Amino acid sequence: MDILQQLGELVLGSLPTVAFFLLTVVLYTYLVHHPLRSVLAERHGRTVGAVEKAKAAIAAAEAKTAEYEGRLRLARHDISLAREHRVQQWNAERDQVLAGARERAQMKVKTAKLELEQGAHEARQQIEKSADELGNRVLAAVLPGRPA
């Protein structure tokens, strides 16, 4: 019985401690735990929201990058076409200039041929005249009785 009496006194003496402990747990739950849980939930919501906003911003940036790359590709294509057109123009102008120069050179060659042929014809005529004259002189020199 002594043990039961000692246990009873011990339980009776521990009642204020148990009551204080239960009061502390209840106060902790309402004053600290619930507000802390709501703050953590809000922070989690903001974090998740910020991550989603960041993902949306990244997706928008990728879309703009793709758009800019498309525009850049189109601009490069336009520049390439313009360059090709300019080169074709230059080639056409060069061909025209070469054709004109070739034509002038052919005209000069024809003129030179005609002049050469005319000079050769005149030289042949002079040679023929000179040959006739020389033949007459030779005959006159060989046959002294013949008039020159």
Protein backbone atom coordinates (compact mmCIF):
# COMPACT_ATOMS: atom_id res chain seq x y z
CA MET A 1 0.00 0.00 0.00
CA ASP A 2 2.83 2.27 0.57
CA ILE A 3 3.63 1.97 -3.06
CA LEU A 4 0.13 2.92 -4.09
CA GLN A 5 0.18 5.84 -1.73
CA GLN A 6 3.53 6.96 -3.11
CA LEU A 7 2.23 6.54 -6.64
CA GLY A 8 -0.87 8.57 -5.80
CA GLU A 9 1.25 11.36 -4.33
CA LEU A 10 3.50 11.23 -7.39
CA VAL A 11 0.52 11.46 -9.78
CA LEU A 12 -1.02 14.20 -7.69
CA GLY A 13 2.27 16.11 -7.67
CA SER A 14 2.68 15.67 -11.43
CA LEU A 15 -0.81 16.98 -12.31
CA PRO A 16 0.30 20.65 -12.44
CA THR A 17 3.24 19.63 -14.68
CA VAL A 18 0.96 17.59 -16.98
CA ALA A 19 -1.56 20.46 -17.09
CA PHE A 20 1.22 22.97 -17.85
CA PHE A 21 2.59 20.65 -20.56
CA LEU A 22 -0.84 20.22 -22.19
CA LEU A 23 -1.41 23.99 -22.02
CA THR A 24 1.99 24.52 -23.66
CA VAL A 25 1.17 22.05 -26.46
CA VAL A 26 -2.23 23.66 -27.11
CA LEU A 27 -0.76 27.17 -27.08
CA TYR A 28 2.12 26.06 -29.34
CA THR A 29 -0.35 24.51 -31.79
CA TYR A 30 -2.52 27.64 -32.06
CA LEU A 31 0.10 30.35 -31.64
CA VAL A 32 3.07 28.89 -33.54
CA HIS A 33 2.25 25.77 -35.50
CA HIS A 34 -0.85 26.97 -37.43
CA PRO A 35 0.60 30.38 -38.39
CA LEU A 36 3.89 28.74 -39.35
CA ARG A 37 2.06 26.17 -41.46
CA SER A 38 0.04 28.90 -43.24
CA VAL A 39 3.22 30.95 -43.89
CA LEU A 40 4.96 27.86 -45.27
CA ALA A 41 1.95 27.08 -47.47
CA GLU A 42 1.93 30.67 -48.77
CA ARG A 43 5.67 30.53 -49.40
CA HIS A 44 5.27 27.22 -51.20
CA GLY A 45 2.48 28.72 -53.32
CA ARG A 46 4.60 31.73 -54.17
CA THR A 47 7.57 29.53 -55.00
CA VAL A 48 5.51 27.27 -57.23
CA GLY A 49 3.93 30.36 -58.81
CA ALA A 50 7.35 31.90 -59.36
CA VAL A 51 8.61 28.68 -60.94
CA GLU A 52 5.58 28.58 -63.25
CA LYS A 53 6.09 32.24 -64.15
CA ALA A 54 9.76 31.52 -64.84
CA LYS A 55 8.79 28.58 -67.05
CA ALA A 56 6.31 30.78 -68.91
CA ALA A 57 8.94 33.49 -69.32
CA ILE A 58 11.43 30.92 -70.63
CA ALA A 59 8.85 29.59 -73.09
CA ALA A 60 8.09 33.15 -74.26
CA ALA A 61 11.81 33.86 -74.64
CA GLU A 62 12.27 30.67 -76.67
CA ALA A 63 9.33 31.65 -78.89
CA LYS A 64 10.83 35.10 -79.46
CA THR A 65 14.22 33.52 -80.14
CA ALA A 66 12.66 31.23 -82.73
CA GLU A 67 10.87 34.21 -84.29
CA TYR A 68 14.09 36.24 -84.41
CA GLU A 69 15.96 33.29 -85.90
CA GLY A 70 13.27 32.99 -88.56
CA ARG A 71 13.52 36.68 -89.35
CA LEU A 72 17.31 36.44 -89.44
CA ARG A 73 17.14 33.45 -91.77
CA LEU A 74 14.73 35.34 -94.04
CA ALA A 75 16.95 38.44 -94.03
CA ARG A 76 20.00 36.34 -94.89
CA HIS A 77 18.05 34.74 -97.74
CA ASP A 78 17.00 38.16 -99.04
CA ILE A 79 20.60 39.39 -98.84
CA SER A 80 21.76 36.29 -100.69
CA LEU A 81 19.17 36.83 -103.44
CA ALA A 82 20.13 40.50 -103.75
CA ARG A 83 23.80 39.56 -103.98
CA GLU A 84 23.06 36.97 -106.68
CA HIS A 85 21.00 39.52 -108.61
CA ARG A 86 23.80 42.08 -108.37
CA VAL A 87 26.36 39.51 -109.57
CA GLN A 88 24.10 38.61 -112.50
CA GLN A 89 23.79 42.29 -113.39
CA TRP A 90 27.56 42.72 -113.25
CA ASN A 91 28.05 39.63 -115.40
CA ALA A 92 25.53 40.90 -117.94
CA GLU A 93 27.23 44.30 -118.06
CA ARG A 94 30.63 42.62 -118.42
CA ASP A 95 29.30 40.44 -121.23
CA GLN A 96 27.91 43.50 -123.00
CA VAL A 97 31.21 45.35 -122.69
CA LEU A 98 33.11 42.29 -123.91
CA ALA A 99 30.72 41.86 -126.84
CA GLY A 100 31.21 45.51 -127.79
CA ALA A 101 34.98 45.21 -127.51
CA ARG A 102 34.93 41.98 -129.53
CA GLU A 103 32.82 43.65 -132.20
CA ARG A 104 35.17 46.64 -132.39
CA ALA A 105 38.18 44.31 -132.58
CA GLN A 106 36.55 42.31 -135.39
CA MET A 107 35.81 45.54 -137.27
CA LYS A 108 39.45 46.61 -136.87
CA VAL A 109 40.60 43.19 -138.08
CA LYS A 110 38.29 43.40 -141.12
CA THR A 111 39.48 46.93 -141.86
CA ALA A 112 43.10 45.86 -141.51
CA LYS A 113 42.48 42.84 -143.81
CA LEU A 114 40.86 45.05 -146.42
CA GLU A 115 43.71 47.54 -146.21
CA LEU A 116 46.22 44.69 -146.42
CA GLU A 117 44.42 43.14 -149.40
CA GLN A 118 44.20 46.52 -151.08
CA GLY A 119 47.90 47.15 -150.39
CA ALA A 120 48.74 43.67 -151.73
CA HIS A 121 46.63 44.29 -154.83
CA GLU A 122 48.34 47.64 -155.42
CA ALA A 123 51.74 46.00 -154.81
CA ARG A 124 50.87 43.25 -157.35
CA GLN A 125 49.85 45.87 -159.89
CA GLN A 126 53.07 47.79 -159.30
CA ILE A 127 55.08 44.56 -159.53
CA GLU A 128 53.30 43.68 -162.78
CA LYS A 129 54.00 47.15 -164.17
CA SER A 130 57.55 46.96 -162.95
CA ALA A 131 57.91 43.45 -164.37
CA ASP A 132 56.63 44.62 -167.78
CA GLU A 133 58.93 47.60 -167.66
CA LEU A 134 61.85 45.53 -166.48
CA GLY A 135 61.15 42.93 -169.17
CA ASN A 136 61.15 45.67 -171.80
CA ARG A 137 64.42 47.05 -170.45
CA VAL A 138 65.99 43.60 -170.37
CA LEU A 139 64.89 43.00 -173.95
CA ALA A 140 66.20 46.40 -174.93
CA ALA A 141 69.50 45.69 -173.23
CA VAL A 142 69.78 42.19 -174.70
CA LEU A 143 68.56 43.12 -178.12
CA PRO A 144 70.12 46.45 -178.86
CA GLY A 145 68.17 47.15 -181.98
CA ARG A 146 64.85 47.11 -180.33
CA PRO A 147 63.28 50.36 -179.09
CA ALA A 148 62.60 50.66 -175.37
